[in-house]
Amino acid sequence: MALHKPLSMPRKIFEKSSEFPYHVTARCINREWFCIPLNEVWGIMEDYLHFIVHSYGVKIHGFVLMNNHFHLLISAPQNNLSEAMNYFMRETSRALSREVGRINQTYGNRYYRSLIKSHHYYLHAYKYLYRNPVEAGLIQKPELYPYSTLPGLLGLQPLRIPLTEDPTLFDSIESTLEWLNLQPDEKDRESIRQALKRGVFEIPRERGTSKAHRLELEMY
């Protein structure tokens, strides 16, 4: 009797969009920290984000660099997110490795992306991105974290990453900063984190109920 090999699970089909933004994140191999000081990593990231904006026509909405990963809000009007991100990941990995003379790759896996199909969901992702350094205990206010596009938008430091227009911030800077500095409920933050793990952003339903999560309507 012939033995059959177990069927492998098919890869999830990536939903491309030229209309909606994505949240993209990637982490260093083995969750290690970047191999050089963070200010030097930031400079490399700035260079290659600048490049993919002009070479691939992508739009950067926000970027935050952490000790061993990054968060990026990005749109791809030419439906070429994969090409732009593959270049960005490959070249930043090579540049970081050259700095310390190693041959190992920088990132542990390929990047993760979550398509964001509504403005309400975008606001959840926006706050999650900019509050990441605060939730990690690195800073008290998101606008003061140096490895983020937020202080550059506010004119608090130079910004070389060419960002697209940010109506979220500039419709009302004071109220937006107040909202960003509002400490979210930990369960709400975890719900957003789980939603950003999905190929298409979707807030998990609360256990034991068929009703939509309240964050579908409210901001966290």
N, C-alpha and C. Protein backbone atom coordinates (compact mmCIF):
# COMPACT_ATOMS: atom_id res chain seq x y z
N MET A 1 0.85 -1.19 0.00
CA MET A 1 0.00 0.00 0.00
C MET A 1 0.89 1.25 0.00
N ALA A 2 0.69 2.08 -0.94
CA ALA A 2 1.55 3.27 -1.06
C ALA A 2 1.21 4.29 0.02
N LEU A 3 2.26 4.89 0.53
CA LEU A 3 2.08 5.94 1.52
C LEU A 3 2.01 7.28 0.81
N HIS A 4 1.07 8.07 1.20
CA HIS A 4 0.90 9.38 0.59
C HIS A 4 1.51 10.45 1.49
N LYS A 5 2.23 11.37 0.88
CA LYS A 5 2.78 12.48 1.64
C LYS A 5 1.65 13.38 2.10
N PRO A 6 1.76 13.90 3.32
CA PRO A 6 0.71 14.81 3.78
C PRO A 6 0.66 16.06 2.91
N LEU A 7 -0.55 16.51 2.67
CA LEU A 7 -0.71 17.71 1.87
C LEU A 7 -0.23 18.92 2.64
N SER A 8 0.54 19.76 2.01
CA SER A 8 0.99 21.00 2.65
C SER A 8 -0.11 22.04 2.56
N MET A 9 -0.14 22.91 3.56
CA MET A 9 -1.15 23.96 3.56
C MET A 9 -0.80 25.00 2.49
N PRO A 10 -1.75 25.36 1.66
CA PRO A 10 -1.45 26.36 0.63
C PRO A 10 -1.20 27.72 1.27
N ARG A 11 -0.31 28.50 0.65
CA ARG A 11 -0.04 29.83 1.15
C ARG A 11 -1.26 30.72 0.93
N LYS A 12 -1.52 31.57 1.88
CA LYS A 12 -2.63 32.49 1.75
C LYS A 12 -2.36 33.45 0.58
N ILE A 13 -3.39 33.69 -0.19
CA ILE A 13 -3.26 34.60 -1.32
C ILE A 13 -3.20 36.03 -0.79
N PHE A 14 -2.19 36.73 -1.23
CA PHE A 14 -2.01 38.13 -0.80
C PHE A 14 -2.93 39.01 -1.62
N GLU A 15 -3.78 39.77 -0.96
CA GLU A 15 -4.71 40.66 -1.64
C GLU A 15 -4.02 41.98 -1.98
N LYS A 16 -3.85 42.20 -3.26
CA LYS A 16 -3.21 43.43 -3.71
C LYS A 16 -4.23 44.56 -3.79
N SER A 17 -3.76 45.78 -3.56
CA SER A 17 -4.63 46.93 -3.67
C SER A 17 -3.81 48.16 -4.05
N SER A 18 -4.32 48.91 -4.99
CA SER A 18 -3.71 50.20 -5.32
C SER A 18 -4.44 51.34 -4.62
N GLU A 19 -5.52 51.01 -3.94
CA GLU A 19 -6.37 52.03 -3.31
C GLU A 19 -6.13 52.16 -1.81
N PHE A 20 -6.01 51.04 -1.11
CA PHE A 20 -5.95 51.06 0.34
C PHE A 20 -4.51 50.93 0.85
N PRO A 21 -4.24 51.47 2.03
CA PRO A 21 -2.90 51.35 2.62
C PRO A 21 -2.70 50.01 3.31
N TYR A 22 -1.45 49.74 3.64
CA TYR A 22 -1.06 48.53 4.38
C TYR A 22 -0.29 48.93 5.63
N HIS A 23 -0.42 48.09 6.64
CA HIS A 23 0.52 48.13 7.75
C HIS A 23 1.52 47.02 7.49
N VAL A 24 2.81 47.37 7.51
CA VAL A 24 3.89 46.41 7.25
C VAL A 24 4.84 46.39 8.42
N THR A 25 5.28 45.22 8.83
CA THR A 25 6.25 45.11 9.91
C THR A 25 7.21 43.96 9.63
N ALA A 26 8.42 44.07 10.15
CA ALA A 26 9.41 43.00 10.04
C ALA A 26 10.31 43.06 11.27
N ARG A 27 10.79 41.90 11.68
CA ARG A 27 11.58 41.79 12.91
C ARG A 27 12.93 41.16 12.62
N CYS A 28 13.94 41.52 13.41
CA CYS A 28 15.28 40.95 13.26
C CYS A 28 15.28 39.46 13.55
N ILE A 29 16.24 38.77 12.99
CA ILE A 29 16.38 37.34 13.19
C ILE A 29 16.58 37.01 14.67
N ASN A 30 15.87 35.99 15.14
CA ASN A 30 15.93 35.54 16.54
C ASN A 30 15.55 36.65 17.53
N ARG A 31 14.81 37.64 17.05
CA ARG A 31 14.39 38.77 17.87
C ARG A 31 15.58 39.55 18.46
N GLU A 32 16.75 39.39 17.83
CA GLU A 32 17.92 40.14 18.28
C GLU A 32 17.75 41.62 17.92
N TRP A 33 18.52 42.47 18.59
CA TRP A 33 18.50 43.88 18.27
C TRP A 33 19.28 44.12 16.98
N PHE A 34 19.03 45.24 16.35
CA PHE A 34 19.83 45.60 15.18
C PHE A 34 21.30 45.65 15.59
N CYS A 35 22.17 45.33 14.63
CA CYS A 35 23.58 45.10 14.93
C CYS A 35 24.40 46.37 15.08
N ILE A 36 23.82 47.52 14.80
CA ILE A 36 24.52 48.79 14.94
C ILE A 36 23.61 49.76 15.70
N PRO A 37 24.15 50.88 16.20
CA PRO A 37 23.31 51.84 16.95
C PRO A 37 22.08 52.25 16.16
N LEU A 38 21.00 52.51 16.87
CA LEU A 38 19.72 52.76 16.23
C LEU A 38 19.73 54.02 15.37
N ASN A 39 20.52 55.01 15.74
CA ASN A 39 20.57 56.21 14.90
C ASN A 39 21.18 55.90 13.53
N GLU A 40 22.11 54.93 13.48
CA GLU A 40 22.69 54.52 12.21
C GLU A 40 21.70 53.68 11.40
N VAL A 41 20.96 52.84 12.09
CA VAL A 41 19.91 52.06 11.41
C VAL A 41 18.88 53.01 10.81
N TRP A 42 18.51 54.03 11.58
CA TRP A 42 17.53 55.02 11.11
C TRP A 42 18.00 55.69 9.83
N GLY A 43 19.28 56.04 9.76
CA GLY A 43 19.81 56.66 8.55
C GLY A 43 19.70 55.75 7.34
N ILE A 44 19.97 54.46 7.53
CA ILE A 44 19.85 53.49 6.43
C ILE A 44 18.39 53.36 6.01
N MET A 45 17.50 53.27 6.98
CA MET A 45 16.08 53.16 6.66
C MET A 45 15.59 54.40 5.90
N GLU A 46 16.02 55.57 6.34
CA GLU A 46 15.64 56.80 5.64
C GLU A 46 16.06 56.75 4.18
N ASP A 47 17.30 56.33 3.93
CA ASP A 47 17.82 56.29 2.56
C ASP A 47 16.97 55.40 1.67
N TYR A 48 16.65 54.20 2.15
CA TYR A 48 15.95 53.24 1.30
C TYR A 48 14.45 53.50 1.23
N LEU A 49 13.87 54.11 2.25
CA LEU A 49 12.47 54.53 2.12
C LEU A 49 12.38 55.67 1.09
N HIS A 50 13.34 56.57 1.13
CA HIS A 50 13.40 57.65 0.13
C HIS A 50 13.49 57.06 -1.27
N PHE A 51 14.31 56.03 -1.41
CA PHE A 51 14.51 55.41 -2.73
C PHE A 51 13.24 54.76 -3.25
N ILE A 52 12.55 53.96 -2.41
CA ILE A 52 11.38 53.24 -2.93
C ILE A 52 10.21 54.19 -3.22
N VAL A 53 10.16 55.33 -2.52
CA VAL A 53 9.13 56.32 -2.86
C VAL A 53 9.32 56.81 -4.29
N HIS A 54 10.56 57.13 -4.66
CA HIS A 54 10.83 57.70 -5.97
C HIS A 54 10.96 56.65 -7.06
N SER A 55 11.39 55.44 -6.71
CA SER A 55 11.60 54.41 -7.73
C SER A 55 10.38 53.52 -7.95
N TYR A 56 9.57 53.33 -6.91
CA TYR A 56 8.41 52.45 -7.03
C TYR A 56 7.09 53.20 -6.90
N GLY A 57 7.15 54.48 -6.62
CA GLY A 57 5.93 55.27 -6.56
C GLY A 57 5.04 54.98 -5.36
N VAL A 58 5.60 54.37 -4.32
CA VAL A 58 4.81 54.10 -3.12
C VAL A 58 4.63 55.38 -2.32
N LYS A 59 3.66 55.37 -1.40
CA LYS A 59 3.41 56.51 -0.53
C LYS A 59 3.59 56.08 0.92
N ILE A 60 4.45 56.78 1.63
CA ILE A 60 4.71 56.48 3.03
C ILE A 60 3.81 57.36 3.89
N HIS A 61 3.02 56.73 4.76
CA HIS A 61 2.14 57.46 5.66
C HIS A 61 2.74 57.62 7.06
N GLY A 62 3.59 56.70 7.45
CA GLY A 62 4.22 56.77 8.76
C GLY A 62 5.21 55.63 8.93
N PHE A 63 6.25 55.88 9.74
CA PHE A 63 7.28 54.87 9.96
C PHE A 63 7.83 55.01 11.37
N VAL A 64 7.99 53.88 12.06
CA VAL A 64 8.58 53.86 13.40
C VAL A 64 9.59 52.72 13.46
N LEU A 65 10.79 53.04 13.89
CA LEU A 65 11.86 52.06 14.04
C LEU A 65 12.04 51.72 15.51
N MET A 66 12.00 50.43 15.82
CA MET A 66 12.21 49.97 17.18
C MET A 66 13.57 49.26 17.27
N ASN A 67 13.91 48.74 18.45
CA ASN A 67 15.24 48.14 18.65
C ASN A 67 15.47 46.90 17.78
N ASN A 68 14.41 46.16 17.47
CA ASN A 68 14.60 44.95 16.66
C ASN A 68 13.52 44.75 15.60
N HIS A 69 12.75 45.79 15.30
CA HIS A 69 11.74 45.68 14.26
C HIS A 69 11.31 47.07 13.82
N PHE A 70 10.47 47.10 12.80
CA PHE A 70 9.91 48.38 12.36
C PHE A 70 8.43 48.23 12.05
N HIS A 71 7.74 49.38 12.05
CA HIS A 71 6.34 49.46 11.64
C HIS A 71 6.23 50.51 10.54
N LEU A 72 5.46 50.19 9.51
CA LEU A 72 5.37 51.07 8.35
C LEU A 72 3.92 51.11 7.86
N LEU A 73 3.40 52.31 7.62
CA LEU A 73 2.12 52.49 6.93
C LEU A 73 2.44 52.97 5.53
N ILE A 74 1.97 52.22 4.53
CA ILE A 74 2.40 52.46 3.16
C ILE A 74 1.27 52.14 2.19
N SER A 75 1.19 52.90 1.10
CA SER A 75 0.27 52.62 0.01
C SER A 75 1.08 52.39 -1.26
N ALA A 76 0.51 51.59 -2.17
CA ALA A 76 1.18 51.29 -3.44
C ALA A 76 0.23 51.55 -4.60
N PRO A 77 0.12 52.80 -5.05
CA PRO A 77 -0.81 53.14 -6.13
C PRO A 77 -0.56 52.35 -7.42
N GLN A 78 0.66 51.84 -7.62
CA GLN A 78 0.98 51.08 -8.82
C GLN A 78 0.85 49.57 -8.60
N ASN A 79 0.23 49.18 -7.48
CA ASN A 79 -0.01 47.77 -7.18
C ASN A 79 1.30 46.96 -7.11
N ASN A 80 2.33 47.59 -6.58
CA ASN A 80 3.65 46.95 -6.59
C ASN A 80 4.28 46.91 -5.20
N LEU A 81 3.45 46.70 -4.18
CA LEU A 81 3.99 46.66 -2.83
C LEU A 81 5.05 45.57 -2.68
N SER A 82 4.79 44.39 -3.24
CA SER A 82 5.74 43.28 -3.10
C SER A 82 7.10 43.65 -3.65
N GLU A 83 7.12 44.24 -4.84
CA GLU A 83 8.39 44.61 -5.46
C GLU A 83 9.12 45.66 -4.62
N ALA A 84 8.39 46.66 -4.15
CA ALA A 84 9.01 47.72 -3.36
C ALA A 84 9.54 47.19 -2.04
N MET A 85 8.75 46.36 -1.36
CA MET A 85 9.18 45.86 -0.06
C MET A 85 10.28 44.82 -0.18
N ASN A 86 10.24 44.01 -1.22
CA ASN A 86 11.33 43.04 -1.42
C ASN A 86 12.66 43.76 -1.62
N TYR A 87 12.63 44.84 -2.39
CA TYR A 87 13.85 45.63 -2.57
C TYR A 87 14.28 46.24 -1.25
N PHE A 88 13.35 46.86 -0.55
CA PHE A 88 13.67 47.51 0.72
C PHE A 88 14.26 46.54 1.73
N MET A 89 13.66 45.37 1.87
CA MET A 89 14.13 44.38 2.83
C MET A 89 15.52 43.87 2.44
N ARG A 90 15.70 43.57 1.17
CA ARG A 90 16.98 43.04 0.72
C ARG A 90 18.10 44.05 0.91
N GLU A 91 17.86 45.28 0.48
CA GLU A 91 18.94 46.26 0.50
C GLU A 91 19.23 46.79 1.91
N THR A 92 18.23 46.93 2.75
CA THR A 92 18.52 47.34 4.13
C THR A 92 19.26 46.23 4.87
N SER A 93 18.90 44.99 4.59
CA SER A 93 19.61 43.86 5.21
C SER A 93 21.07 43.86 4.78
N ARG A 94 21.32 44.06 3.51
CA ARG A 94 22.70 44.09 3.01
C ARG A 94 23.48 45.25 3.61
N ALA A 95 22.85 46.41 3.67
CA ALA A 95 23.53 47.60 4.20
C ALA A 95 23.87 47.42 5.67
N LEU A 96 22.95 46.86 6.45
CA LEU A 96 23.21 46.64 7.87
C LEU A 96 24.30 45.59 8.07
N SER A 97 24.30 44.55 7.25
CA SER A 97 25.32 43.51 7.37
C SER A 97 26.70 44.04 7.00
N ARG A 98 26.75 44.90 5.98
CA ARG A 98 28.04 45.48 5.58
C ARG A 98 28.65 46.30 6.70
N GLU A 99 27.82 46.97 7.48
CA GLU A 99 28.32 47.83 8.55
C GLU A 99 29.10 47.06 9.60
N VAL A 100 28.76 45.79 9.79
CA VAL A 100 29.46 44.99 10.82
C VAL A 100 30.25 43.83 10.20
N GLY A 101 30.28 43.76 8.88
CA GLY A 101 31.07 42.75 8.20
C GLY A 101 30.59 41.33 8.41
N ARG A 102 29.27 41.14 8.45
CA ARG A 102 28.75 39.79 8.62
C ARG A 102 28.00 39.37 7.37
N ILE A 103 27.76 38.05 7.25
CA ILE A 103 27.07 37.54 6.06
C ILE A 103 25.65 37.07 6.40
N ASN A 104 25.32 37.01 7.68
CA ASN A 104 23.98 36.56 8.06
C ASN A 104 22.94 37.60 7.67
N GLN A 105 21.74 37.12 7.39
CA GLN A 105 20.65 38.04 7.08
C GLN A 105 20.24 38.81 8.32
N THR A 106 19.63 39.96 8.12
CA THR A 106 19.20 40.80 9.24
C THR A 106 17.85 40.38 9.78
N TYR A 107 16.91 40.10 8.89
CA TYR A 107 15.54 39.83 9.30
C TYR A 107 15.28 38.34 9.48
N GLY A 108 14.43 38.02 10.46
CA GLY A 108 14.14 36.63 10.75
C GLY A 108 13.23 36.00 9.73
N ASN A 109 12.27 36.73 9.24
CA ASN A 109 11.32 36.25 8.25
C ASN A 109 11.06 37.37 7.25
N ARG A 110 10.24 37.06 6.26
CA ARG A 110 9.82 38.12 5.37
C ARG A 110 8.89 39.05 6.14
N TYR A 111 8.59 40.17 5.57
CA TYR A 111 7.73 41.14 6.23
C TYR A 111 6.29 40.63 6.30
N TYR A 112 5.55 41.18 7.24
CA TYR A 112 4.13 40.88 7.38
C TYR A 112 3.33 42.11 6.97
N ARG A 113 2.23 41.91 6.30
CA ARG A 113 1.44 43.03 5.80
C ARG A 113 -0.04 42.80 6.09
N SER A 114 -0.71 43.89 6.36
CA SER A 114 -2.15 43.83 6.63
C SER A 114 -2.82 44.95 5.85
N LEU A 115 -3.74 44.57 4.97
CA LEU A 115 -4.45 45.55 4.15
C LEU A 115 -5.53 46.23 5.00
N ILE A 116 -5.59 47.55 4.92
CA ILE A 116 -6.50 48.33 5.77
C ILE A 116 -7.55 48.98 4.87
N LYS A 117 -8.78 48.51 4.97
CA LYS A 117 -9.80 48.87 4.00
C LYS A 117 -10.75 49.98 4.43
N SER A 118 -10.56 50.55 5.58
CA SER A 118 -11.43 51.66 5.98
C SER A 118 -10.63 52.70 6.74
N HIS A 119 -11.13 53.92 6.73
CA HIS A 119 -10.45 54.99 7.45
C HIS A 119 -10.45 54.72 8.96
N HIS A 120 -11.52 54.14 9.46
CA HIS A 120 -11.61 53.81 10.88
C HIS A 120 -10.49 52.82 11.26
N TYR A 121 -10.30 51.80 10.45
CA TYR A 121 -9.23 50.84 10.70
C TYR A 121 -7.86 51.51 10.59
N TYR A 122 -7.74 52.43 9.61
CA TYR A 122 -6.47 53.14 9.43
C TYR A 122 -6.09 53.90 10.69
N LEU A 123 -7.07 54.53 11.34
CA LEU A 123 -6.79 55.27 12.55
C LEU A 123 -6.31 54.35 13.67
N HIS A 124 -6.88 53.16 13.75
CA HIS A 124 -6.40 52.18 14.73
C HIS A 124 -4.92 51.87 14.48
N ALA A 125 -4.59 51.59 13.21
CA ALA A 125 -3.20 51.25 12.86
C ALA A 125 -2.27 52.43 13.08
N TYR A 126 -2.73 53.62 12.78
CA TYR A 126 -1.94 54.86 12.94
C TYR A 126 -1.55 55.04 14.40
N LYS A 127 -2.53 54.90 15.29
CA LYS A 127 -2.23 55.08 16.71
C LYS A 127 -1.33 53.96 17.22
N TYR A 128 -1.59 52.73 16.77
CA TYR A 128 -0.76 51.60 17.20
C TYR A 128 0.69 51.82 16.79
N LEU A 129 0.90 52.27 15.56
CA LEU A 129 2.25 52.51 15.06
C LEU A 129 2.98 53.56 15.90
N TYR A 130 2.36 54.73 16.08
CA TYR A 130 3.06 55.81 16.76
C TYR A 130 3.17 55.62 18.27
N ARG A 131 2.30 54.78 18.86
CA ARG A 131 2.41 54.53 20.29
C ARG A 131 3.34 53.37 20.62
N ASN A 132 3.88 52.69 19.63
CA ASN A 132 4.73 51.54 19.90
C ASN A 132 5.88 51.84 20.85
N PRO A 133 6.62 52.93 20.67
CA PRO A 133 7.72 53.23 21.60
C PRO A 133 7.24 53.52 23.01
N VAL A 134 6.04 54.10 23.14
CA VAL A 134 5.48 54.39 24.46
C VAL A 134 5.11 53.09 25.16
N GLU A 135 4.44 52.19 24.44
CA GLU A 135 4.03 50.92 25.03
C GLU A 135 5.24 50.06 25.39
N ALA A 136 6.36 50.27 24.70
CA ALA A 136 7.59 49.52 25.00
C ALA A 136 8.38 50.16 26.14
N GLY A 137 7.90 51.29 26.68
CA GLY A 137 8.57 51.94 27.79
C GLY A 137 9.80 52.75 27.39
N LEU A 138 9.92 53.11 26.11
CA LEU A 138 11.10 53.82 25.64
C LEU A 138 10.97 55.33 25.77
N ILE A 139 9.74 55.82 25.82
CA ILE A 139 9.49 57.25 25.82
C ILE A 139 8.12 57.48 26.45
N GLN A 140 7.87 58.69 26.91
CA GLN A 140 6.58 58.98 27.53
C GLN A 140 5.55 59.51 26.54
N LYS A 141 6.02 60.19 25.48
CA LYS A 141 5.11 60.74 24.49
C LYS A 141 5.56 60.32 23.09
N PRO A 142 4.65 59.88 22.23
CA PRO A 142 5.05 59.42 20.90
C PRO A 142 5.73 60.48 20.06
N GLU A 143 5.36 61.75 20.25
CA GLU A 143 5.94 62.81 19.44
C GLU A 143 7.39 63.12 19.82
N LEU A 144 7.89 62.52 20.90
CA LEU A 144 9.27 62.75 21.33
C LEU A 144 10.22 61.61 20.97
N TYR A 145 9.69 60.56 20.37
CA TYR A 145 10.55 59.41 20.02
C TYR A 145 11.32 59.76 18.74
N PRO A 146 12.65 59.73 18.77
CA PRO A 146 13.45 60.24 17.64
C PRO A 146 13.42 59.37 16.40
N TYR A 147 13.11 58.06 16.55
CA TYR A 147 13.15 57.17 15.39
C TYR A 147 11.74 56.90 14.88
N SER A 148 11.05 57.98 14.60
CA SER A 148 9.67 57.98 14.16
C SER A 148 9.47 59.16 13.24
N THR A 149 8.55 59.04 12.30
CA THR A 149 8.27 60.17 11.41
C THR A 149 7.44 61.25 12.09
N LEU A 150 6.84 60.96 13.24
CA LEU A 150 5.97 61.92 13.89
C LEU A 150 6.69 63.21 14.31
N PRO A 151 7.82 63.15 15.02
CA PRO A 151 8.49 64.42 15.38
C PRO A 151 8.97 65.20 14.16
N GLY A 152 9.30 64.52 13.08
CA GLY A 152 9.68 65.22 11.86
C GLY A 152 8.51 65.97 11.26
N LEU A 153 7.33 65.35 11.27
CA LEU A 153 6.13 66.02 10.78
C LEU A 153 5.82 67.27 11.59
N LEU A 154 6.12 67.21 12.87
CA LEU A 154 5.84 68.34 13.76
C LEU A 154 6.93 69.40 13.75
N GLY A 155 8.00 69.16 12.98
CA GLY A 155 9.08 70.13 12.89
C GLY A 155 10.04 70.07 14.07
N LEU A 156 10.00 68.98 14.83
CA LEU A 156 10.86 68.86 16.01
C LEU A 156 12.24 68.31 15.66
N GLN A 157 12.39 67.73 14.49
CA GLN A 157 13.68 67.22 14.04
C GLN A 157 13.65 67.09 12.52
N PRO A 158 14.81 67.02 11.87
CA PRO A 158 14.84 66.86 10.41
C PRO A 158 14.18 65.55 9.99
N LEU A 159 13.57 65.54 8.82
CA LEU A 159 12.92 64.34 8.30
C LEU A 159 13.26 64.20 6.82
N ARG A 160 13.97 63.12 6.49
CA ARG A 160 14.37 62.88 5.10
C ARG A 160 13.46 61.89 4.39
N ILE A 161 12.57 61.25 5.14
CA ILE A 161 11.63 60.32 4.52
C ILE A 161 10.51 61.14 3.88
N PRO A 162 10.31 61.02 2.56
CA PRO A 162 9.26 61.81 1.91
C PRO A 162 7.88 61.23 2.20
N LEU A 163 7.18 61.83 3.14
CA LEU A 163 5.86 61.35 3.52
C LEU A 163 4.77 61.96 2.64
N THR A 164 3.72 61.19 2.46
CA THR A 164 2.54 61.72 1.80
C THR A 164 1.79 62.61 2.78
N GLU A 165 0.81 63.34 2.29
CA GLU A 165 0.03 64.24 3.14
C GLU A 165 -0.57 63.48 4.32
N ASP A 166 -0.59 64.10 5.49
CA ASP A 166 -1.10 63.46 6.70
C ASP A 166 -2.26 64.26 7.29
N PRO A 167 -3.48 64.08 6.74
CA PRO A 167 -4.63 64.82 7.27
C PRO A 167 -5.00 64.40 8.68
N THR A 168 -4.64 63.17 9.06
CA THR A 168 -4.93 62.72 10.43
C THR A 168 -4.30 63.65 11.44
N LEU A 169 -3.05 64.01 11.19
CA LEU A 169 -2.33 64.89 12.12
C LEU A 169 -2.72 66.35 11.93
N PHE A 170 -2.75 66.80 10.68
CA PHE A 170 -2.84 68.23 10.43
C PHE A 170 -4.27 68.78 10.40
N ASP A 171 -5.27 67.92 10.42
CA ASP A 171 -6.63 68.43 10.58
C ASP A 171 -6.79 69.11 11.94
N SER A 172 -6.09 68.56 12.94
CA SER A 172 -6.08 69.17 14.27
C SER A 172 -4.91 68.59 15.05
N ILE A 173 -3.78 69.27 15.00
CA ILE A 173 -2.58 68.74 15.63
C ILE A 173 -2.79 68.53 17.13
N GLU A 174 -3.37 69.51 17.80
CA GLU A 174 -3.54 69.42 19.24
C GLU A 174 -4.41 68.23 19.65
N SER A 175 -5.55 68.06 18.99
CA SER A 175 -6.44 66.97 19.37
C SER A 175 -5.87 65.62 18.96
N THR A 176 -5.14 65.57 17.85
CA THR A 176 -4.52 64.30 17.43
C THR A 176 -3.45 63.87 18.42
N LEU A 177 -2.62 64.81 18.87
CA LEU A 177 -1.59 64.48 19.86
C LEU A 177 -2.22 64.07 21.19
N GLU A 178 -3.30 64.71 21.54
CA GLU A 178 -4.01 64.32 22.77
C GLU A 178 -4.53 62.89 22.66
N TRP A 179 -5.07 62.56 21.51
CA TRP A 179 -5.56 61.20 21.25
C TRP A 179 -4.41 60.18 21.25
N LEU A 180 -3.30 60.52 20.61
CA LEU A 180 -2.15 59.61 20.57
C LEU A 180 -1.57 59.38 21.96
N ASN A 181 -1.68 60.37 22.82
CA ASN A 181 -1.14 60.24 24.17
C ASN A 181 -2.12 59.64 25.16
N LEU A 182 -3.29 59.30 24.69
CA LEU A 182 -4.28 58.66 25.55
C LEU A 182 -3.96 57.17 25.67
N GLN A 183 -3.67 56.72 26.89
CA GLN A 183 -3.31 55.33 27.13
C GLN A 183 -4.47 54.40 26.82
N PRO A 184 -4.30 53.46 25.89
CA PRO A 184 -5.39 52.55 25.57
C PRO A 184 -5.52 51.42 26.59
N ASP A 185 -6.69 50.83 26.64
CA ASP A 185 -6.89 49.63 27.42
C ASP A 185 -6.04 48.51 26.83
N GLU A 186 -5.39 47.73 27.68
CA GLU A 186 -4.49 46.68 27.21
C GLU A 186 -5.21 45.66 26.34
N LYS A 187 -6.46 45.32 26.69
CA LYS A 187 -7.21 44.36 25.89
C LYS A 187 -7.51 44.94 24.50
N ASP A 188 -7.80 46.24 24.46
CA ASP A 188 -8.05 46.88 23.17
C ASP A 188 -6.79 46.87 22.31
N ARG A 189 -5.67 47.19 22.93
CA ARG A 189 -4.41 47.19 22.18
C ARG A 189 -4.10 45.80 21.63
N GLU A 190 -4.36 44.77 22.43
CA GLU A 190 -4.12 43.40 21.97
C GLU A 190 -5.04 43.06 20.81
N SER A 191 -6.28 43.54 20.85
CA SER A 191 -7.21 43.30 19.74
C SER A 191 -6.69 43.93 18.45
N ILE A 192 -6.14 45.14 18.55
CA ILE A 192 -5.58 45.80 17.37
C ILE A 192 -4.35 45.04 16.89
N ARG A 193 -3.53 44.60 17.81
CA ARG A 193 -2.32 43.84 17.43
C ARG A 193 -2.70 42.58 16.68
N GLN A 194 -3.73 41.88 17.15
CA GLN A 194 -4.18 40.67 16.48
C GLN A 194 -4.77 40.99 15.11
N ALA A 195 -5.49 42.10 15.01
CA ALA A 195 -6.07 42.50 13.73
C ALA A 195 -4.98 42.78 12.70
N LEU A 196 -3.87 43.37 13.14
CA LEU A 196 -2.77 43.69 12.24
C LEU A 196 -1.97 42.47 11.81
N LYS A 197 -2.21 41.33 12.44
CA LYS A 197 -1.55 40.09 12.04
C LYS A 197 -2.25 39.44 10.85
N ARG A 198 -3.46 39.89 10.55
CA ARG A 198 -4.24 39.29 9.49
C ARG A 198 -3.89 39.92 8.14
N GLY A 199 -4.06 39.15 7.08
CA GLY A 199 -3.78 39.67 5.74
C GLY A 199 -4.63 40.87 5.40
N VAL A 200 -5.86 40.86 5.87
CA VAL A 200 -6.75 42.01 5.77
C VAL A 200 -7.16 42.37 7.20
N PHE A 201 -6.95 43.61 7.58
CA PHE A 201 -7.22 44.05 8.95
C PHE A 201 -8.66 43.72 9.33
N GLU A 202 -8.79 42.99 10.42
CA GLU A 202 -10.11 42.64 10.94
C GLU A 202 -10.00 42.42 12.44
N ILE A 203 -10.79 43.13 13.20
CA ILE A 203 -10.75 43.00 14.66
C ILE A 203 -11.48 41.73 15.07
N PRO A 204 -10.82 40.85 15.81
CA PRO A 204 -11.46 39.59 16.22
C PRO A 204 -12.72 39.86 17.05
N ARG A 205 -13.72 39.04 16.84
CA ARG A 205 -14.94 39.16 17.66
C ARG A 205 -14.63 38.75 19.09
N GLU A 206 -15.35 39.37 20.00
CA GLU A 206 -15.15 39.03 21.40
C GLU A 206 -15.66 37.62 21.67
N ARG A 207 -14.96 36.91 22.51
CA ARG A 207 -15.33 35.52 22.79
C ARG A 207 -16.72 35.43 23.40
N GLY A 208 -17.44 34.39 22.99
CA GLY A 208 -18.75 34.14 23.57
C GLY A 208 -19.86 35.01 23.02
N THR A 209 -19.58 35.73 21.93
CA THR A 209 -20.62 36.58 21.35
C THR A 209 -20.48 36.61 19.84
N SER A 210 -21.59 36.79 19.19
CA SER A 210 -21.58 36.90 17.73
C SER A 210 -21.55 38.36 17.28
N LYS A 211 -21.59 39.26 18.26
CA LYS A 211 -21.60 40.68 17.95
C LYS A 211 -20.20 41.16 17.53
N ALA A 212 -20.18 42.18 16.71
CA ALA A 212 -18.91 42.78 16.32
C ALA A 212 -18.25 43.42 17.53
N HIS A 213 -16.94 43.45 17.53
CA HIS A 213 -16.18 44.08 18.61
C HIS A 213 -16.52 45.56 18.65
N ARG A 214 -16.58 46.13 19.85
CA ARG A 214 -16.94 47.56 19.97
C ARG A 214 -15.93 48.46 19.28
N LEU A 215 -14.67 47.98 19.10
CA LEU A 215 -13.68 48.79 18.42
C LEU A 215 -13.97 48.92 16.92
N GLU A 216 -14.94 48.16 16.43
CA GLU A 216 -15.38 48.37 15.06
C GLU A 216 -16.00 49.76 14.89
N LEU A 217 -16.52 50.30 15.99
CA LEU A 217 -17.17 51.60 15.95
C LEU A 217 -16.42 52.66 16.73
N GLU A 218 -15.76 52.26 17.82
CA GLU A 218 -15.08 53.21 18.68
C GLU A 218 -13.58 53.19 18.41
N MET A 219 -12.91 54.28 18.82
CA MET A 219 -11.45 54.31 18.74
C MET A 219 -10.86 53.82 20.05
N TYR A 220 -9.69 53.19 19.94
CA TYR A 220 -9.07 52.68 21.16
C TYR A 220 -8.07 53.67 21.72
